[in-house]
Amino acid sequence: MSKPETTSKPLQGAYRKGLQAARAGEPYKACPYQSAPYGCRRRNGGTWGAVFRNYWRRGWRASIRSRR
């Protein structure tokens, strides 16, 4: 199993959920953080929802790549 580049437990969880979703055959657009209502703005203008979405997608892609 590949590992995310973070020590944050919540982000590791999002990554792991992405891995599991791809293994279960769920599509890329099935990301549960797609329209997450996190309003906490980061200094660079992003939202926490976007961060979780990115880690979920990284996990999903890593699972697909490992199958090839």
PDB file of N, CA and C in Angstrom:
ATOM      1  N   MET A   1       0.844  -1.181   0.000  1.00  0.00           N
ATOM      2  CA  MET A   1       0.000   0.000   0.000  1.00  0.00           C
ATOM      3  C   MET A   1       0.883   1.236   0.000  1.00  0.00           C
ATOM      4  N   SER A   2       0.576   2.175  -0.879  1.00  0.00           N
ATOM      5  CA  SER A   2       1.357   3.407  -0.912  1.00  0.00           C
ATOM      6  C   SER A   2       0.954   4.300   0.254  1.00  0.00           C
ATOM      7  N   LYS A   3       1.805   5.240   0.566  1.00  0.00           N
ATOM      8  CA  LYS A   3       1.548   6.114   1.712  1.00  0.00           C
ATOM      9  C   LYS A   3       1.484   7.566   1.270  1.00  0.00           C
ATOM     10  N   PRO A   4       0.609   8.345   1.892  1.00  0.00           N
ATOM     11  CA  PRO A   4       0.534   9.771   1.562  1.00  0.00           C
ATOM     12  C   PRO A   4       1.730  10.520   2.134  1.00  0.00           C
ATOM     13  N   GLU A   5       1.986  11.701   1.589  1.00  0.00           N
ATOM     14  CA  GLU A   5       3.124  12.503   2.047  1.00  0.00           C
ATOM     15  C   GLU A   5       2.708  13.441   3.169  1.00  0.00           C
ATOM     16  N   THR A   6       2.084  12.915   4.195  1.00  0.00           N
ATOM     17  CA  THR A   6       1.668  13.739   5.322  1.00  0.00           C
ATOM     18  C   THR A   6       1.671  12.920   6.603  1.00  0.00           C
ATOM     19  N   THR A   7       1.798  13.593   7.729  1.00  0.00           N
ATOM     20  CA  THR A   7       1.688  12.921   9.018  1.00  0.00           C
ATOM     21  C   THR A   7       0.335  13.206   9.656  1.00  0.00           C
ATOM     22  N   SER A   8      -0.504  13.975   8.985  1.00  0.00           N
ATOM     23  CA  SER A   8      -1.826  14.321   9.499  1.00  0.00           C
ATOM     24  C   SER A   8      -2.749  13.102   9.426  1.00  0.00           C
ATOM     25  N   LYS A   9      -3.263  12.669  10.567  1.00  0.00           N
ATOM     26  CA  LYS A   9      -4.152  11.501  10.608  1.00  0.00           C
ATOM     27  C   LYS A   9      -5.418  11.706   9.776  1.00  0.00           C
ATOM     28  N   PRO A  10      -6.072  12.868   9.840  1.00  0.00           N
ATOM     29  CA  PRO A  10      -7.270  13.055   9.014  1.00  0.00           C
ATOM     30  C   PRO A  10      -6.976  12.979   7.517  1.00  0.00           C
ATOM     31  N   LEU A  11      -5.861  13.532   7.082  1.00  0.00           N
ATOM     32  CA  LEU A  11      -5.513  13.469   5.662  1.00  0.00           C
ATOM     33  C   LEU A  11      -5.107  12.060   5.259  1.00  0.00           C
ATOM     34  N   GLN A  12      -4.457  11.333   6.155  1.00  0.00           N
ATOM     35  CA  GLN A  12      -4.133   9.936   5.878  1.00  0.00           C
ATOM     36  C   GLN A  12      -5.422   9.134   5.720  1.00  0.00           C
ATOM     37  N   GLY A  13      -6.437   9.470   6.517  1.00  0.00           N
ATOM     38  CA  GLY A  13      -7.729   8.803   6.411  1.00  0.00           C
ATOM     39  C   GLY A  13      -8.393   9.075   5.074  1.00  0.00           C
ATOM     40  N   ALA A  14      -8.328  10.306   4.600  1.00  0.00           N
ATOM     41  CA  ALA A  14      -8.911  10.651   3.302  1.00  0.00           C
ATOM     42  C   ALA A  14      -8.192   9.893   2.188  1.00  0.00           C
ATOM     43  N   TYR A  15      -6.883   9.794   2.288  1.00  0.00           N
ATOM     44  CA  TYR A  15      -6.077   9.058   1.304  1.00  0.00           C
ATOM     45  C   TYR A  15      -6.476   7.579   1.299  1.00  0.00           C
ATOM     46  N   ARG A  16      -6.580   7.012   2.500  1.00  0.00           N
ATOM     47  CA  ARG A  16      -6.948   5.601   2.630  1.00  0.00           C
ATOM     48  C   ARG A  16      -8.347   5.342   2.065  1.00  0.00           C
ATOM     49  N   LYS A  17      -9.270   6.260   2.294  1.00  0.00           N
ATOM     50  CA  LYS A  17     -10.619   6.112   1.749  1.00  0.00           C
ATOM     51  C   LYS A  17     -10.608   6.157   0.223  1.00  0.00           C
ATOM     52  N   GLY A  18      -9.728   6.965  -0.349  1.00  0.00           N
ATOM     53  CA  GLY A  18      -9.581   7.002  -1.798  1.00  0.00           C
ATOM     54  C   GLY A  18      -9.055   5.686  -2.339  1.00  0.00           C
ATOM     55  N   LEU A  19      -8.068   5.111  -1.643  1.00  0.00           N
ATOM     56  CA  LEU A  19      -7.534   3.799  -2.028  1.00  0.00           C
ATOM     57  C   LEU A  19      -8.645   2.749  -2.019  1.00  0.00           C
ATOM     58  N   GLN A  20      -9.416   2.736  -0.933  1.00  0.00           N
ATOM     59  CA  GLN A  20     -10.479   1.744  -0.786  1.00  0.00           C
ATOM     60  C   GLN A  20     -11.571   1.937  -1.834  1.00  0.00           C
ATOM     61  N   ALA A  21     -11.883   3.183  -2.156  1.00  0.00           N
ATOM     62  CA  ALA A  21     -12.921   3.459  -3.153  1.00  0.00           C
ATOM     63  C   ALA A  21     -12.513   2.933  -4.522  1.00  0.00           C
ATOM     64  N   ALA A  22     -11.273   3.148  -4.897  1.00  0.00           N
ATOM     65  CA  ALA A  22     -10.803   2.661  -6.202  1.00  0.00           C
ATOM     66  C   ALA A  22     -10.806   1.142  -6.239  1.00  0.00           C
ATOM     67  N   ARG A  23     -10.402   0.516  -5.146  1.00  0.00           N
ATOM     68  CA  ARG A  23     -10.408  -0.950  -5.088  1.00  0.00           C
ATOM     69  C   ARG A  23     -11.823  -1.508  -5.178  1.00  0.00           C
ATOM     70  N   ALA A  24     -12.796  -0.748  -4.671  1.00  0.00           N
ATOM     71  CA  ALA A  24     -14.195  -1.177  -4.707  1.00  0.00           C
ATOM     72  C   ALA A  24     -14.849  -0.877  -6.055  1.00  0.00           C
ATOM     73  N   GLY A  25     -14.091  -0.226  -6.950  1.00  0.00           N
ATOM     74  CA  GLY A  25     -14.608   0.056  -8.280  1.00  0.00           C
ATOM     75  C   GLY A  25     -15.400   1.347  -8.392  1.00  0.00           C
ATOM     76  N   GLU A  26     -15.316   2.188  -7.380  1.00  0.00           N
ATOM     77  CA  GLU A  26     -16.031   3.463  -7.434  1.00  0.00           C
ATOM     78  C   GLU A  26     -15.340   4.409  -8.415  1.00  0.00           C
ATOM     79  N   PRO A  27     -16.120   5.259  -9.083  1.00  0.00           N
ATOM     80  CA  PRO A  27     -15.516   6.197 -10.039  1.00  0.00           C
ATOM     81  C   PRO A  27     -14.795   7.340  -9.328  1.00  0.00           C
ATOM     82  N   TYR A  28     -13.942   8.002 -10.066  1.00  0.00           N
ATOM     83  CA  TYR A  28     -13.162   9.141  -9.561  1.00  0.00           C
ATOM     84  C   TYR A  28     -14.074  10.237  -9.008  1.00  0.00           C
ATOM     85  N   LYS A  29     -15.212  10.431  -9.637  1.00  0.00           N
ATOM     86  CA  LYS A  29     -16.144  11.489  -9.216  1.00  0.00           C
ATOM     87  C   LYS A  29     -16.928  11.136  -7.960  1.00  0.00           C
ATOM     88  N   ALA A  30     -16.714   9.947  -7.408  1.00  0.00           N
ATOM     89  CA  ALA A  30     -17.431   9.524  -6.201  1.00  0.00           C
ATOM     90  C   ALA A  30     -16.820  10.111  -4.932  1.00  0.00           C
ATOM     91  N   CYS A  31     -15.886  11.008  -5.067  1.00  0.00           N
ATOM     92  CA  CYS A  31     -15.204  11.613  -3.916  1.00  0.00           C
ATOM     93  C   CYS A  31     -16.219  12.217  -2.947  1.00  0.00           C
ATOM     94  N   PRO A  32     -16.212  11.775  -1.668  1.00  0.00           N
ATOM     95  CA  PRO A  32     -17.170  12.310  -0.702  1.00  0.00           C
ATOM     96  C   PRO A  32     -16.882  13.753  -0.289  1.00  0.00           C
ATOM     97  N   TYR A  33     -15.726  14.251  -0.633  1.00  0.00           N
ATOM     98  CA  TYR A  33     -15.351  15.619  -0.276  1.00  0.00           C
ATOM     99  C   TYR A  33     -15.594  16.582  -1.434  1.00  0.00           C
ATOM    100  N   GLN A  34     -16.300  16.119  -2.457  1.00  0.00           N
ATOM    101  CA  GLN A  34     -16.522  16.914  -3.659  1.00  0.00           C
ATOM    102  C   GLN A  34     -17.099  18.291  -3.352  1.00  0.00           C
ATOM    103  N   SER A  35     -18.123  18.320  -2.540  1.00  0.00           N
ATOM    104  CA  SER A  35     -18.748  19.609  -2.207  1.00  0.00           C
ATOM    105  C   SER A  35     -18.741  19.805  -0.693  1.00  0.00           C
ATOM    106  N   ALA A  36     -17.620  19.488  -0.088  1.00  0.00           N
ATOM    107  CA  ALA A  36     -17.513  19.594   1.366  1.00  0.00           C
ATOM    108  C   ALA A  36     -17.685  21.049   1.809  1.00  0.00           C
ATOM    109  N   PRO A  37     -18.496  21.264   2.827  1.00  0.00           N
ATOM    110  CA  PRO A  37     -18.788  22.631   3.274  1.00  0.00           C
ATOM    111  C   PRO A  37     -17.777  23.209   4.253  1.00  0.00           C
ATOM    112  N   TYR A  38     -16.521  22.824   4.129  1.00  0.00           N
ATOM    113  CA  TYR A  38     -15.503  23.363   5.026  1.00  0.00           C
ATOM    114  C   TYR A  38     -15.214  24.807   4.642  1.00  0.00           C
ATOM    115  N   GLY A  39     -15.370  25.704   5.565  1.00  0.00           N
ATOM    116  CA  GLY A  39     -15.173  27.107   5.249  1.00  0.00           C
ATOM    117  C   GLY A  39     -13.867  27.684   5.739  1.00  0.00           C
ATOM    118  N   CYS A  40     -13.068  26.907   6.418  1.00  0.00           N
ATOM    119  CA  CYS A  40     -11.810  27.393   6.965  1.00  0.00           C
ATOM    120  C   CYS A  40     -10.859  27.743   5.828  1.00  0.00           C
ATOM    121  N   ARG A  41     -10.571  29.000   5.667  1.00  0.00           N
ATOM    122  CA  ARG A  41      -9.688  29.439   4.584  1.00  0.00           C
ATOM    123  C   ARG A  41      -8.241  29.322   5.011  1.00  0.00           C
ATOM    124  N   ARG A  42      -7.437  28.805   4.119  1.00  0.00           N
ATOM    125  CA  ARG A  42      -6.002  28.739   4.369  1.00  0.00           C
ATOM    126  C   ARG A  42      -5.371  30.029   3.870  1.00  0.00           C
ATOM    127  N   ARG A  43      -4.135  30.253   4.240  1.00  0.00           N
ATOM    128  CA  ARG A  43      -3.454  31.486   3.846  1.00  0.00           C
ATOM    129  C   ARG A  43      -3.335  31.647   2.342  1.00  0.00           C
ATOM    130  N   ASN A  44      -3.243  30.549   1.624  1.00  0.00           N
ATOM    131  CA  ASN A  44      -3.079  30.671   0.176  1.00  0.00           C
ATOM    132  C   ASN A  44      -4.418  30.729  -0.552  1.00  0.00           C
ATOM    133  N   GLY A  45      -5.514  30.818   0.181  1.00  0.00           N
ATOM    134  CA  GLY A  45      -6.820  30.985  -0.448  1.00  0.00           C
ATOM    135  C   GLY A  45      -7.594  29.704  -0.657  1.00  0.00           C
ATOM    136  N   GLY A  46      -7.009  28.529  -0.359  1.00  0.00           N
ATOM    137  CA  GLY A  46      -7.710  27.265  -0.520  1.00  0.00           C
ATOM    138  C   GLY A  46      -8.600  26.970   0.678  1.00  0.00           C
ATOM    139  N   THR A  47      -9.411  25.950   0.557  1.00  0.00           N
ATOM    140  CA  THR A  47     -10.257  25.540   1.677  1.00  0.00           C
ATOM    141  C   THR A  47      -9.818  24.168   2.155  1.00  0.00           C
ATOM    142  N   TRP A  48     -10.222  23.808   3.356  1.00  0.00           N
ATOM    143  CA  TRP A  48      -9.873  22.492   3.880  1.00  0.00           C
ATOM    144  C   TRP A  48     -10.557  21.401   3.056  1.00  0.00           C
ATOM    145  N   GLY A  49     -11.734  21.691   2.529  1.00  0.00           N
ATOM    146  CA  GLY A  49     -12.418  20.728   1.670  1.00  0.00           C
ATOM    147  C   GLY A  49     -11.567  20.361   0.469  1.00  0.00           C
ATOM    148  N   ALA A  50     -10.903  21.351  -0.091  1.00  0.00           N
ATOM    149  CA  ALA A  50     -10.036  21.114  -1.253  1.00  0.00           C
ATOM    150  C   ALA A  50      -8.844  20.242  -0.862  1.00  0.00           C
ATOM    151  N   VAL A  51      -8.322  20.433   0.328  1.00  0.00           N
ATOM    152  CA  VAL A  51      -7.182  19.635   0.790  1.00  0.00           C
ATOM    153  C   VAL A  51      -7.600  18.176   0.950  1.00  0.00           C
ATOM    154  N   PHE A  52      -8.756  17.933   1.594  1.00  0.00           N
ATOM    155  CA  PHE A  52      -9.244  16.565   1.766  1.00  0.00           C
ATOM    156  C   PHE A  52      -9.556  15.932   0.411  1.00  0.00           C
ATOM    157  N   ARG A  53     -10.146  16.696  -0.479  1.00  0.00           N
ATOM    158  CA  ARG A  53     -10.463  16.213  -1.828  1.00  0.00           C
ATOM    159  C   ARG A  53      -9.185  15.786  -2.552  1.00  0.00           C
ATOM    160  N   ASN A  54      -8.138  16.587  -2.444  1.00  0.00           N
ATOM    161  CA  ASN A  54      -6.868  16.252  -3.096  1.00  0.00           C
ATOM    162  C   ASN A  54      -6.270  14.968  -2.556  1.00  0.00           C
ATOM    163  N   TYR A  55      -6.312  14.762  -1.236  1.00  0.00           N
ATOM    164  CA  TYR A  55      -5.745  13.538  -0.664  1.00  0.00           C
ATOM    165  C   TYR A  55      -6.578  12.323  -1.021  1.00  0.00           C
ATOM    166  N   TRP A  56      -7.905  12.462  -1.074  1.00  0.00           N
ATOM    167  CA  TRP A  56      -8.757  11.349  -1.501  1.00  0.00           C
ATOM    168  C   TRP A  56      -8.407  10.969  -2.935  1.00  0.00           C
ATOM    169  N   ARG A  57      -8.276  11.973  -3.781  1.00  0.00           N
ATOM    170  CA  ARG A  57      -7.953  11.720  -5.192  1.00  0.00           C
ATOM    171  C   ARG A  57      -6.565  11.119  -5.368  1.00  0.00           C
ATOM    172  N   ARG A  58      -5.613  11.526  -4.556  1.00  0.00           N
ATOM    173  CA  ARG A  58      -4.268  10.934  -4.618  1.00  0.00           C
ATOM    174  C   ARG A  58      -4.324   9.451  -4.278  1.00  0.00           C
ATOM    175  N   GLY A  59      -5.100   9.122  -3.248  1.00  0.00           N
ATOM    176  CA  GLY A  59      -5.258   7.720  -2.875  1.00  0.00           C
ATOM    177  C   GLY A  59      -5.932   6.926  -3.974  1.00  0.00           C
ATOM    178  N   TRP A  60      -6.958   7.501  -4.580  1.00  0.00           N
ATOM    179  CA  TRP A  60      -7.680   6.834  -5.667  1.00  0.00           C
ATOM    180  C   TRP A  60      -6.734   6.558  -6.830  1.00  0.00           C
ATOM    181  N   ARG A  61      -5.959   7.568  -7.231  1.00  0.00           N
ATOM    182  CA  ARG A  61      -5.022   7.411  -8.349  1.00  0.00           C
ATOM    183  C   ARG A  61      -3.925   6.394  -8.038  1.00  0.00           C
ATOM    184  N   ALA A  62      -3.445   6.414  -6.787  1.00  0.00           N
ATOM    185  CA  ALA A  62      -2.385   5.472  -6.392  1.00  0.00           C
ATOM    186  C   ALA A  62      -2.891   4.032  -6.487  1.00  0.00           C
ATOM    187  N   SER A  63      -4.123   3.808  -6.122  1.00  0.00           N
ATOM    188  CA  SER A  63      -4.687   2.471  -6.213  1.00  0.00           C
ATOM    189  C   SER A  63      -4.808   2.016  -7.661  1.00  0.00           C
ATOM    190  N   ILE A  64      -5.251   2.907  -8.538  1.00  0.00           N
ATOM    191  CA  ILE A  64      -5.377   2.577  -9.952  1.00  0.00           C
ATOM    192  C   ILE A  64      -4.000   2.290 -10.554  1.00  0.00           C
ATOM    193  N   ARG A  65      -3.001   3.123 -10.221  1.00  0.00           N
ATOM    194  CA  ARG A  65      -1.648   2.913 -10.745  1.00  0.00           C
ATOM    195  C   ARG A  65      -1.049   1.586 -10.284  1.00  0.00           C
ATOM    196  N   SER A  66      -1.350   1.194  -9.050  1.00  0.00           N
ATOM    197  CA  SER A  66      -0.767  -0.050  -8.514  1.00  0.00           C
ATOM    198  C   SER A  66      -1.353  -1.286  -9.194  1.00  0.00           C
ATOM    199  N   ARG A  67      -2.504  -1.151  -9.794  1.00  0.00           N
ATOM    200  CA  ARG A  67      -3.130  -2.287 -10.499  1.00  0.00           C
ATOM    201  C   ARG A  67      -2.473  -2.548 -11.845  1.00  0.00           C
ATOM    202  N   ARG A  68      -1.882  -1.521 -12.420  1.00  0.00           N
ATOM    203  CA  ARG A  68      -1.301  -1.651 -13.773  1.00  0.00           C
ATOM    204  C   ARG A  68       0.001  -2.389 -13.763  1.00  0.00           C
TER     205      ARG A  68
END
